[in-house]
PDB file of N, CA and C in Angstrom:
ATOM      1  N   MET A   1     -67.083 -69.175  81.276  1.00  0.00           N
ATOM      2  CA  MET A   1     -67.724 -70.253  80.558  1.00  0.00           C
ATOM      3  C   MET A   1     -66.816 -71.471  80.515  1.00  0.00           C
ATOM      4  N   SER A   2     -67.384 -72.615  80.699  1.00  0.00           N
ATOM      5  CA  SER A   2     -66.619 -73.863  80.709  1.00  0.00           C
ATOM      6  C   SER A   2     -66.719 -74.541  79.349  1.00  0.00           C
ATOM      7  N   GLN A   3     -65.578 -75.027  78.862  1.00  0.00           N
ATOM      8  CA  GLN A   3     -65.585 -75.775  77.608  1.00  0.00           C
ATOM      9  C   GLN A   3     -65.818 -77.243  77.906  1.00  0.00           C
ATOM     10  N   SER A   4     -66.523 -77.919  77.015  1.00  0.00           N
ATOM     11  CA  SER A   4     -66.762 -79.346  77.167  1.00  0.00           C
ATOM     12  C   SER A   4     -65.619 -80.128  76.537  1.00  0.00           C
ATOM     13  N   HIS A   5     -65.102 -81.083  77.244  1.00  0.00           N
ATOM     14  CA  HIS A   5     -64.040 -81.957  76.751  1.00  0.00           C
ATOM     15  C   HIS A   5     -64.507 -83.398  76.839  1.00  0.00           C
ATOM     16  N   ASP A   6     -63.902 -84.264  76.025  1.00  0.00           N
ATOM     17  CA  ASP A   6     -64.249 -85.685  76.077  1.00  0.00           C
ATOM     18  C   ASP A   6     -64.073 -86.245  77.481  1.00  0.00           C
ATOM     19  N   SER A   7     -63.018 -85.792  78.193  1.00  0.00           N
ATOM     20  CA  SER A   7     -62.770 -86.311  79.532  1.00  0.00           C
ATOM     21  C   SER A   7     -63.889 -85.915  80.490  1.00  0.00           C
ATOM     22  N   ASP A   8     -64.562 -84.797  80.216  1.00  0.00           N
ATOM     23  CA  ASP A   8     -65.666 -84.372  81.063  1.00  0.00           C
ATOM     24  C   ASP A   8     -66.869 -85.305  80.928  1.00  0.00           C
ATOM     25  N   SER A   9     -67.051 -85.879  79.759  1.00  0.00           N
ATOM     26  CA  SER A   9     -68.214 -86.732  79.520  1.00  0.00           C
ATOM     27  C   SER A   9     -67.988 -88.175  79.932  1.00  0.00           C
ATOM     28  N   GLY A  10     -66.755 -88.527  80.278  1.00  0.00           N
ATOM     29  CA  GLY A  10     -66.449 -89.904  80.642  1.00  0.00           C
ATOM     30  C   GLY A  10     -66.146 -90.788  79.457  1.00  0.00           C
ATOM     31  N   TYR A  11     -66.214 -90.239  78.248  1.00  0.00           N
ATOM     32  CA  TYR A  11     -65.943 -91.007  77.036  1.00  0.00           C
ATOM     33  C   TYR A  11     -64.451 -91.273  76.911  1.00  0.00           C
ATOM     34  N   VAL A  12     -64.097 -92.537  76.663  1.00  0.00           N
ATOM     35  CA  VAL A  12     -62.703 -92.913  76.423  1.00  0.00           C
ATOM     36  C   VAL A  12     -62.645 -93.549  75.044  1.00  0.00           C
ATOM     37  N   PRO A  13     -61.850 -92.990  74.122  1.00  0.00           N
ATOM     38  CA  PRO A  13     -61.754 -93.566  72.779  1.00  0.00           C
ATOM     39  C   PRO A  13     -61.285 -95.023  72.827  1.00  0.00           C
ATOM     40  N   PHE A  14     -61.731 -95.810  71.840  1.00  0.00           N
ATOM     41  CA  PHE A  14     -61.399 -97.230  71.785  1.00  0.00           C
ATOM     42  C   PHE A  14     -59.904 -97.477  71.911  1.00  0.00           C
ATOM     43  N   ASP A  15     -59.082 -96.696  71.196  1.00  0.00           N
ATOM     44  CA  ASP A  15     -57.646 -96.954  71.195  1.00  0.00           C
ATOM     45  C   ASP A  15     -56.980 -96.638  72.534  1.00  0.00           C
ATOM     46  N   LYS A  16     -57.665 -95.932  73.424  1.00  0.00           N
ATOM     47  CA  LYS A  16     -57.117 -95.614  74.748  1.00  0.00           C
ATOM     48  C   LYS A  16     -57.622 -96.567  75.836  1.00  0.00           C
ATOM     49  N   GLN A  17     -58.555 -97.444  75.500  1.00  0.00           N
ATOM     50  CA  GLN A  17     -59.094 -98.393  76.467  1.00  0.00           C
ATOM     51  C   GLN A  17     -58.198 -99.628  76.547  1.00  0.00           C
ATOM     52  N   SER A  18     -58.333-100.381  77.639  1.00  0.00           N
ATOM     53  CA  SER A  18     -57.647-101.673  77.731  1.00  0.00           C
ATOM     54  C   SER A  18     -58.684-102.746  78.020  1.00  0.00           C
ATOM     55  N   PHE A  19     -58.399-103.951  77.520  1.00  0.00           N
ATOM     56  CA  PHE A  19     -59.359-105.037  77.572  1.00  0.00           C
ATOM     57  C   PHE A  19     -58.718-106.301  78.134  1.00  0.00           C
ATOM     58  N   THR A  20     -59.525-107.139  78.756  1.00  0.00           N
ATOM     59  CA  THR A  20     -59.059-108.439  79.223  1.00  0.00           C
ATOM     60  C   THR A  20     -58.882-109.356  78.015  1.00  0.00           C
ATOM     61  N   PRO A  21     -58.164-110.459  78.191  1.00  0.00           N
ATOM     62  CA  PRO A  21     -58.068-111.417  77.084  1.00  0.00           C
ATOM     63  C   PRO A  21     -59.439-111.918  76.615  1.00  0.00           C
ATOM     64  N   ALA A  22     -60.362-112.169  77.538  1.00  0.00           N
ATOM     65  CA  ALA A  22     -61.694-112.644  77.150  1.00  0.00           C
ATOM     66  C   ALA A  22     -62.427-111.592  76.323  1.00  0.00           C
ATOM     67  N   GLN A  23     -62.349-110.328  76.738  1.00  0.00           N
ATOM     68  CA  GLN A  23     -62.983-109.258  75.980  1.00  0.00           C
ATOM     69  C   GLN A  23     -62.354-109.119  74.599  1.00  0.00           C
ATOM     70  N   THR A  24     -61.032-109.210  74.548  1.00  0.00           N
ATOM     71  CA  THR A  24     -60.315-109.078  73.281  1.00  0.00           C
ATOM     72  C   THR A  24     -60.678-110.212  72.334  1.00  0.00           C
ATOM     73  N   ALA A  25     -60.780-111.425  72.854  1.00  0.00           N
ATOM     74  CA  ALA A  25     -61.183-112.560  72.027  1.00  0.00           C
ATOM     75  C   ALA A  25     -62.568-112.307  71.428  1.00  0.00           C
ATOM     76  N   ASP A  26     -63.491-111.774  72.227  1.00  0.00           N
ATOM     77  CA  ASP A  26     -64.832-111.445  71.725  1.00  0.00           C
ATOM     78  C   ASP A  26     -64.761-110.372  70.645  1.00  0.00           C
ATOM     79  N   ILE A  27     -63.961-109.338  70.878  1.00  0.00           N
ATOM     80  CA  ILE A  27     -63.836-108.241  69.905  1.00  0.00           C
ATOM     81  C   ILE A  27     -63.306-108.760  68.576  1.00  0.00           C
ATOM     82  N   LEU A  28     -62.303-109.651  68.648  1.00  0.00           N
ATOM     83  CA  LEU A  28     -61.679-110.173  67.425  1.00  0.00           C
ATOM     84  C   LEU A  28     -62.432-111.360  66.831  1.00  0.00           C
ATOM     85  N   GLY A  29     -63.365-111.924  67.575  1.00  0.00           N
ATOM     86  CA  GLY A  29     -64.133-113.066  67.074  1.00  0.00           C
ATOM     87  C   GLY A  29     -63.328-114.352  67.032  1.00  0.00           C
ATOM     88  N   VAL A  30     -62.426-114.516  68.020  1.00  0.00           N
ATOM     89  CA  VAL A  30     -61.620-115.738  68.114  1.00  0.00           C
ATOM     90  C   VAL A  30     -61.804-116.343  69.497  1.00  0.00           C
ATOM     91  N   CYS A  31     -61.412-117.602  69.653  1.00  0.00           N
ATOM     92  CA  CYS A  31     -61.471-118.218  70.974  1.00  0.00           C
ATOM     93  C   CYS A  31     -60.257-117.760  71.792  1.00  0.00           C
ATOM     94  N   GLU A  32     -60.343-117.932  73.108  1.00  0.00           N
ATOM     95  CA  GLU A  32     -59.264-117.463  73.974  1.00  0.00           C
ATOM     96  C   GLU A  32     -57.949-118.181  73.707  1.00  0.00           C
ATOM     97  N   SER A  33     -57.986-119.455  73.343  1.00  0.00           N
ATOM     98  CA  SER A  33     -56.730-120.165  73.066  1.00  0.00           C
ATOM     99  C   SER A  33     -56.038-119.576  71.839  1.00  0.00           C
ATOM    100  N   THR A  34     -56.814-119.174  70.835  1.00  0.00           N
ATOM    101  CA  THR A  34     -56.238-118.511  69.660  1.00  0.00           C
ATOM    102  C   THR A  34     -55.656-117.161  70.057  1.00  0.00           C
ATOM    103  N   LEU A  35     -56.369-116.436  70.921  1.00  0.00           N
ATOM    104  CA  LEU A  35     -55.872-115.145  71.378  1.00  0.00           C
ATOM    105  C   LEU A  35     -54.535-115.303  72.094  1.00  0.00           C
ATOM    106  N   PHE A  36     -54.418-116.287  72.985  1.00  0.00           N
ATOM    107  CA  PHE A  36     -53.160-116.483  73.707  1.00  0.00           C
ATOM    108  C   PHE A  36     -52.031-116.891  72.763  1.00  0.00           C
ATOM    109  N   GLU A  37     -52.361-117.589  71.700  1.00  0.00           N
ATOM    110  CA  GLU A  37     -51.345-117.917  70.689  1.00  0.00           C
ATOM    111  C   GLU A  37     -50.876-116.646  69.981  1.00  0.00           C
ATOM    112  N   LEU A  38     -51.785-115.747  69.680  1.00  0.00           N
ATOM    113  CA  LEU A  38     -51.425-114.470  69.064  1.00  0.00           C
ATOM    114  C   LEU A  38     -50.524-113.653  69.998  1.00  0.00           C
ATOM    115  N   LEU A  39     -50.820-113.701  71.293  1.00  0.00           N
ATOM    116  CA  LEU A  39     -49.986-112.998  72.270  1.00  0.00           C
ATOM    117  C   LEU A  39     -48.605-113.648  72.374  1.00  0.00           C
ATOM    118  N   LYS A  40     -48.591-114.973  72.392  1.00  0.00           N
ATOM    119  CA  LYS A  40     -47.328-115.718  72.523  1.00  0.00           C
ATOM    120  C   LYS A  40     -46.392-115.463  71.337  1.00  0.00           C
ATOM    121  N   THR A  41     -46.949-115.382  70.140  1.00  0.00           N
ATOM    122  CA  THR A  41     -46.125-115.180  68.946  1.00  0.00           C
ATOM    123  C   THR A  41     -45.764-113.707  68.725  1.00  0.00           C
ATOM    124  N   GLY A  42     -46.389-112.819  69.497  1.00  0.00           N
ATOM    125  CA  GLY A  42     -46.110-111.395  69.337  1.00  0.00           C
ATOM    126  C   GLY A  42     -46.944-110.721  68.266  1.00  0.00           C
ATOM    127  N   ALA A  43     -47.889-111.449  67.683  1.00  0.00           N
ATOM    128  CA  ALA A  43     -48.744-110.859  66.654  1.00  0.00           C
ATOM    129  C   ALA A  43     -49.676-109.800  67.254  1.00  0.00           C
ATOM    130  N   LEU A  44     -49.958-109.937  68.547  1.00  0.00           N
ATOM    131  CA  LEU A  44     -50.804-108.993  69.266  1.00  0.00           C
ATOM    132  C   LEU A  44     -50.070-108.595  70.539  1.00  0.00           C
ATOM    133  N   ARG A  45     -49.905-107.294  70.762  1.00  0.00           N
ATOM    134  CA  ARG A  45     -49.171-106.801  71.928  1.00  0.00           C
ATOM    135  C   ARG A  45     -50.079-106.714  73.151  1.00  0.00           C
ATOM    136  N   SER A  46     -49.488-106.924  74.315  1.00  0.00           N
ATOM    137  CA  SER A  46     -50.230-106.809  75.562  1.00  0.00           C
ATOM    138  C   SER A  46     -49.298-106.289  76.651  1.00  0.00           C
ATOM    139  N   PHE A  47     -49.872-106.015  77.802  1.00  0.00           N
ATOM    140  CA  PHE A  47     -49.082-105.615  78.967  1.00  0.00           C
ATOM    141  C   PHE A  47     -49.714-106.230  80.202  1.00  0.00           C
ATOM    142  N   LYS A  48     -48.978-106.220  81.284  1.00  0.00           N
ATOM    143  CA  LYS A  48     -49.480-106.800  82.526  1.00  0.00           C
ATOM    144  C   LYS A  48     -49.662-105.718  83.580  1.00  0.00           C
ATOM    145  N   VAL A  49     -50.721-105.878  84.355  1.00  0.00           N
ATOM    146  CA  VAL A  49     -50.989-105.057  85.528  1.00  0.00           C
ATOM    147  C   VAL A  49     -51.050-106.052  86.676  1.00  0.00           C
ATOM    148  N   GLY A  50     -49.951-106.125  87.431  1.00  0.00           N
ATOM    149  CA  GLY A  50     -49.860-107.188  88.423  1.00  0.00           C
ATOM    150  C   GLY A  50     -49.811-108.516  87.700  1.00  0.00           C
ATOM    151  N   ARG A  51     -50.738-109.402  88.023  1.00  0.00           N
ATOM    152  CA  ARG A  51     -50.795-110.705  87.345  1.00  0.00           C
ATOM    153  C   ARG A  51     -51.770-110.707  86.172  1.00  0.00           C
ATOM    154  N   ALA A  52     -52.515-109.617  86.014  1.00  0.00           N
ATOM    155  CA  ALA A  52     -53.542-109.538  84.967  1.00  0.00           C
ATOM    156  C   ALA A  52     -52.957-109.020  83.653  1.00  0.00           C
ATOM    157  N   ARG A  53     -53.318-109.673  82.575  1.00  0.00           N
ATOM    158  CA  ARG A  53     -52.873-109.254  81.241  1.00  0.00           C
ATOM    159  C   ARG A  53     -53.958-108.388  80.612  1.00  0.00           C
ATOM    160  N   ARG A  54     -53.529-107.328  79.934  1.00  0.00           N
ATOM    161  CA  ARG A  54     -54.449-106.418  79.255  1.00  0.00           C
ATOM    162  C   ARG A  54     -53.953-106.130  77.846  1.00  0.00           C
ATOM    163  N   ILE A  55     -54.897-105.853  76.961  1.00  0.00           N
ATOM    164  CA  ILE A  55     -54.599-105.530  75.567  1.00  0.00           C
ATOM    165  C   ILE A  55     -55.271-104.183  75.287  1.00  0.00           C
ATOM    166  N   THR A  56     -54.526-103.247  74.725  1.00  0.00           N
ATOM    167  CA  THR A  56     -55.106-101.931  74.449  1.00  0.00           C
ATOM    168  C   THR A  56     -55.899-101.950  73.142  1.00  0.00           C
ATOM    169  N   GLY A  57     -56.818-101.005  73.056  1.00  0.00           N
ATOM    170  CA  GLY A  57     -57.555-100.827  71.808  1.00  0.00           C
ATOM    171  C   GLY A  57     -56.617-100.500  70.664  1.00  0.00           C
ATOM    172  N   ALA A  58     -55.555 -99.753  70.947  1.00  0.00           N
ATOM    173  CA  ALA A  58     -54.570 -99.418  69.916  1.00  0.00           C
ATOM    174  C   ALA A  58     -53.887-100.682  69.393  1.00  0.00           C
ATOM    175  N   ALA A  59     -53.568-101.627  70.288  1.00  0.00           N
ATOM    176  CA  ALA A  59     -52.946-102.886  69.870  1.00  0.00           C
ATOM    177  C   ALA A  59     -53.916-103.708  69.017  1.00  0.00           C
ATOM    178  N   ILE A  60     -55.188-103.681  69.374  1.00  0.00           N
ATOM    179  CA  ILE A  60     -56.205-104.402  68.595  1.00  0.00           C
ATOM    180  C   ILE A  60     -56.320-103.772  67.204  1.00  0.00           C
ATOM    181  N   ASP A  61     -56.388-102.433  67.153  1.00  0.00           N
ATOM    182  CA  ASP A  61     -56.461-101.746  65.862  1.00  0.00           C
ATOM    183  C   ASP A  61     -55.235-102.065  64.994  1.00  0.00           C
ATOM    184  N   SER A  62     -54.050-102.070  65.610  1.00  0.00           N
ATOM    185  CA  SER A  62     -52.822-102.365  64.890  1.00  0.00           C
ATOM    186  C   SER A  62     -52.841-103.794  64.340  1.00  0.00           C
ATOM    187  N   PHE A  63     -53.310-104.736  65.150  1.00  0.00           N
ATOM    188  CA  PHE A  63     -53.414-106.135  64.718  1.00  0.00           C
ATOM    189  C   PHE A  63     -54.382-106.251  63.532  1.00  0.00           C
ATOM    190  N   ARG A  64     -55.511-105.593  63.622  1.00  0.00           N
ATOM    191  CA  ARG A  64     -56.497-105.639  62.528  1.00  0.00           C
ATOM    192  C   ARG A  64     -55.915-105.053  61.242  1.00  0.00           C
ATOM    193  N   ALA A  65     -55.152-103.982  61.363  1.00  0.00           N
ATOM    194  CA  ALA A  65     -54.561-103.320  60.197  1.00  0.00           C
ATOM    195  C   ALA A  65     -53.515-104.212  59.523  1.00  0.00           C
ATOM    196  N   GLU A  66     -52.771-104.973  60.329  1.00  0.00           N
ATOM    197  CA  GLU A  66     -51.728-105.844  59.789  1.00  0.00           C
ATOM    198  C   GLU A  66     -52.309-107.129  59.213  1.00  0.00           C
ATOM    199  N   GLY A  67     -53.432-107.577  59.766  1.00  0.00           N
ATOM    200  CA  GLY A  67     -54.016-108.843  59.393  1.00  0.00           C
ATOM    201  C   GLY A  67     -54.719-108.780  58.105  1.00  0.00           C
TER     202      GLY A  67
END
């Protein structure tokens, strides 16, 4: 018998996902220039994949908790 796991269903929890700056701005309800200011000041953590910047769901949750 096979057990069902979250990975089998394709579901990825919010805190394990990564988002573009535009997506993150939408999630937080701010404009992209405000988002980049948050990244610049370190209030919101991000990482780069090549030239692309990404923000994890965990970083968004952490920012919301601190704010």
